[in-house]
Amino acid sequence: TTRHHEFAAYKANRPETPEAFVRQMPYIRQFLEGMRIPALYLPGEEADDVLGSMALHAAAQGYDVTLVTGDKDLLQLVGERVTVRDPVKDRRSGPAEVREKFGVSPERVPDFLALMGDSVDNIPGVPGVGEKTARELLARFGSLDAVLERAAEIPRVKLREALRAHADRARLSRRLAEIRT
């Protein structure tokens, strides 16, 4: 995908797709086709990006959209007309639930993940920055760009130096975490 071209280690921690699932894919596609359920595949693009593009387009057309997934990355798409429903946890997330979970608004979820990293997708983040620190930095400065621009104002020397030394890595991490629509 485009993310792998940008960062070869993207999703490197994930196990290989089970062979049984790979063998089932043609049958799944055939089933969807037979049921006249549209399926969209774009070579080189991740499903999250396709899903995000479609969700925001539908919302802009006035539709209420529910994304059914446990993938936290898609919480960045949540808005007035877009919610995420996690079928495993039986939980629906709107803007308030995203703020409660991450301490930031949905559009800042990529900044949050860029600061703390994401081991599931192998997004590096900034060394030494965890969930609590990422939350605090974004609450104080508002965005990743502002955090990096105003790093000199951070009193904790190790944190300030980590942000300065790894600013490019943080920006890369945001690009990896951001749903491309």
Protein backbone atom coordinates (compact mmCIF):
# COMPACT_ATOMS: atom_id res chain seq x y z
CA THR A 1 0.00 0.00 0.00
CA THR A 2 1.00 3.65 -0.13
CA ARG A 3 1.81 3.49 3.60
CA HIS A 4 4.20 0.57 3.04
CA HIS A 5 6.02 2.62 0.40
CA GLU A 6 6.41 5.41 2.96
CA PHE A 7 7.36 3.15 5.89
CA ALA A 8 8.38 -0.41 5.03
CA ALA A 9 7.83 -1.63 8.60
CA TYR A 10 4.17 -0.53 8.61
CA LYS A 11 2.06 -3.35 10.11
CA ALA A 12 5.20 -5.52 10.30
CA ASN A 13 4.17 -6.87 13.72
CA ARG A 14 1.00 -8.44 12.37
CA PRO A 15 0.89 -12.14 11.71
CA GLU A 16 0.36 -13.33 8.15
CA THR A 17 -3.23 -13.54 7.00
CA PRO A 18 -4.38 -17.09 7.76
CA GLU A 19 -4.24 -19.26 4.66
CA ALA A 20 -7.79 -20.51 5.29
CA PHE A 21 -9.05 -16.91 5.04
CA VAL A 22 -7.03 -16.22 1.88
CA ARG A 23 -8.58 -19.31 0.26
CA GLN A 24 -12.08 -18.08 1.20
CA MET A 25 -11.71 -14.63 -0.37
CA PRO A 26 -12.77 -15.63 -3.92
CA TYR A 27 -15.88 -17.27 -2.48
CA ILE A 28 -16.68 -14.21 -0.38
CA ARG A 29 -16.40 -12.00 -3.46
CA GLN A 30 -18.56 -14.43 -5.44
CA PHE A 31 -21.17 -14.47 -2.66
CA LEU A 32 -21.29 -10.66 -2.50
CA GLU A 33 -21.62 -10.48 -6.28
CA GLY A 34 -24.42 -13.07 -6.24
CA MET A 35 -26.27 -11.14 -3.53
CA ARG A 36 -25.73 -7.92 -5.52
CA ILE A 37 -23.85 -6.36 -2.62
CA PRO A 38 -21.38 -3.86 -4.04
CA ALA A 39 -17.75 -4.32 -3.09
CA LEU A 40 -15.05 -1.77 -3.81
CA TYR A 41 -11.36 -2.61 -4.07
CA LEU A 42 -8.67 -0.14 -5.05
CA PRO A 43 -5.20 -1.56 -5.75
CA GLY A 44 -2.59 -0.13 -3.39
CA GLU A 45 -5.18 1.40 -1.07
CA GLU A 46 -6.18 0.11 2.34
CA ALA A 47 -9.75 -0.81 3.12
CA ASP A 48 -9.82 1.82 5.90
CA ASP A 49 -9.12 4.58 3.38
CA VAL A 50 -11.78 3.34 0.96
CA LEU A 51 -14.25 2.97 3.82
CA GLY A 52 -13.39 6.40 5.18
CA SER A 53 -13.78 8.05 1.80
CA MET A 54 -17.15 6.43 1.25
CA ALA A 55 -18.35 7.25 4.78
CA LEU A 56 -17.46 10.94 4.56
CA HIS A 57 -18.92 11.21 1.06
CA ALA A 58 -22.20 9.65 2.21
CA ALA A 59 -22.29 11.91 5.29
CA ALA A 60 -21.74 14.97 3.08
CA GLN A 61 -24.73 13.82 1.01
CA GLY A 62 -26.87 13.87 4.17
CA TYR A 63 -26.79 10.19 5.08
CA ASP A 64 -26.27 8.95 8.63
CA VAL A 65 -23.37 6.50 8.49
CA THR A 66 -22.49 3.73 10.93
CA LEU A 67 -19.14 2.02 10.51
CA VAL A 68 -19.23 -1.42 12.12
CA THR A 69 -15.70 -2.18 13.28
CA GLY A 70 -13.50 -2.58 16.32
CA ASP A 71 -10.69 -0.67 14.58
CA LYS A 72 -9.85 2.39 16.68
CA ASP A 73 -8.28 4.15 13.67
CA LEU A 74 -11.73 4.73 12.19
CA LEU A 75 -12.79 6.76 15.24
CA GLN A 76 -11.11 9.75 13.56
CA LEU A 77 -14.00 9.78 11.07
CA VAL A 78 -16.67 10.19 13.74
CA GLY A 79 -18.75 13.32 13.42
CA GLU A 80 -22.28 14.66 13.35
CA ARG A 81 -23.38 12.05 10.79
CA VAL A 82 -20.75 9.33 11.27
CA THR A 83 -20.63 6.91 14.21
CA VAL A 84 -18.62 3.77 14.83
CA ARG A 85 -20.19 0.66 16.31
CA ASP A 86 -17.92 -1.96 17.82
CA PRO A 87 -19.86 -5.23 17.51
CA VAL A 88 -17.59 -7.10 19.94
CA LYS A 89 -17.95 -4.57 22.76
CA ASP A 90 -21.50 -3.68 21.69
CA ARG A 91 -20.57 0.00 21.90
CA ARG A 92 -21.46 2.93 19.66
CA SER A 93 -19.06 5.88 19.49
CA GLY A 94 -19.92 9.43 18.59
CA PRO A 95 -17.78 12.52 19.21
CA ALA A 96 -18.38 12.47 23.00
CA GLU A 97 -17.31 8.83 23.29
CA VAL A 98 -14.14 9.47 21.27
CA ARG A 99 -13.28 12.40 23.57
CA GLU A 100 -13.93 10.18 26.59
CA LYS A 101 -11.77 7.34 25.24
CA PHE A 102 -8.79 9.37 23.97
CA GLY A 103 -9.18 12.77 25.57
CA VAL A 104 -9.22 14.42 22.13
CA SER A 105 -11.77 15.18 19.43
CA PRO A 106 -12.12 12.68 16.56
CA GLU A 107 -10.10 14.77 14.11
CA ARG A 108 -7.15 14.71 16.57
CA VAL A 109 -7.02 10.91 16.83
CA PRO A 110 -4.20 10.75 14.21
CA ASP A 111 -2.21 13.29 16.26
CA PHE A 112 -2.82 11.23 19.41
CA LEU A 113 -1.64 8.02 17.71
CA ALA A 114 1.32 9.86 16.16
CA LEU A 115 2.56 10.92 19.58
CA MET A 116 2.12 7.62 21.42
CA GLY A 117 2.49 5.24 18.49
CA ASP A 118 0.38 2.19 17.76
CA SER A 119 1.88 -1.27 18.20
CA VAL A 120 -0.96 -2.96 16.26
CA ASP A 121 -0.07 -1.08 13.05
CA ASN A 122 3.62 -0.68 14.01
CA ILE A 123 3.38 3.10 13.99
CA PRO A 124 6.49 4.28 15.84
CA GLY A 125 5.32 7.44 17.63
CA VAL A 126 7.68 9.42 19.88
CA PRO A 127 9.82 7.40 22.31
CA GLY A 128 8.72 7.92 25.90
CA VAL A 129 5.28 9.28 25.00
CA GLY A 130 2.39 7.16 26.20
CA GLU A 131 -1.34 7.63 26.27
CA LYS A 132 -1.38 9.98 29.28
CA THR A 133 1.39 12.23 27.95
CA ALA A 134 -0.13 12.34 24.45
CA ARG A 135 -3.45 13.39 25.99
CA GLU A 136 -1.78 16.10 28.10
CA LEU A 137 0.23 17.49 25.18
CA LEU A 138 -2.80 17.73 22.89
CA ALA A 139 -4.94 19.24 25.65
CA ARG A 140 -2.30 21.92 26.19
CA PHE A 141 -1.23 22.62 22.59
CA GLY A 142 -4.17 21.46 20.49
CA SER A 143 -2.43 19.57 17.66
CA LEU A 144 0.70 17.62 16.82
CA ASP A 145 2.02 20.53 14.76
CA ALA A 146 1.56 22.91 17.70
CA VAL A 147 3.24 20.45 20.08
CA LEU A 148 6.25 20.22 17.79
CA GLU A 149 6.40 23.97 17.11
CA ARG A 150 6.17 24.82 20.82
CA ALA A 151 8.29 22.00 22.23
CA ALA A 152 10.58 24.57 23.88
CA GLU A 153 7.70 25.38 26.29
CA ILE A 154 7.62 21.84 27.68
CA PRO A 155 9.25 21.80 31.12
CA ARG A 156 10.17 18.08 31.16
CA VAL A 157 13.63 18.02 29.57
CA LYS A 158 13.52 14.37 28.39
CA LEU A 159 10.12 14.87 26.78
CA ARG A 160 11.12 18.16 25.16
CA GLU A 161 14.26 16.59 23.72
CA ALA A 162 12.41 13.49 22.51
CA LEU A 163 9.90 15.67 20.67
CA ARG A 164 12.67 17.71 19.06
CA ALA A 165 14.76 14.67 18.12
CA HIS A 166 11.81 12.70 16.75
CA ALA A 167 9.68 15.41 15.13
CA ASP A 168 10.01 13.86 11.66
CA ARG A 169 9.10 10.46 13.06
CA ALA A 170 6.01 11.98 14.72
CA ARG A 171 4.92 13.55 11.42
CA LEU A 172 5.46 10.23 9.63
CA SER A 173 3.45 8.49 12.35
CA ARG A 174 0.56 10.89 11.81
CA ARG A 175 0.61 10.25 8.06
CA LEU A 176 0.50 6.51 8.77
CA ALA A 177 -2.35 6.85 11.28
CA GLU A 178 -4.49 9.24 9.23
CA ILE A 179 -7.33 7.80 7.17
CA ARG A 180 -6.78 9.12 3.63
CA THR A 181 -10.03 10.27 2.12
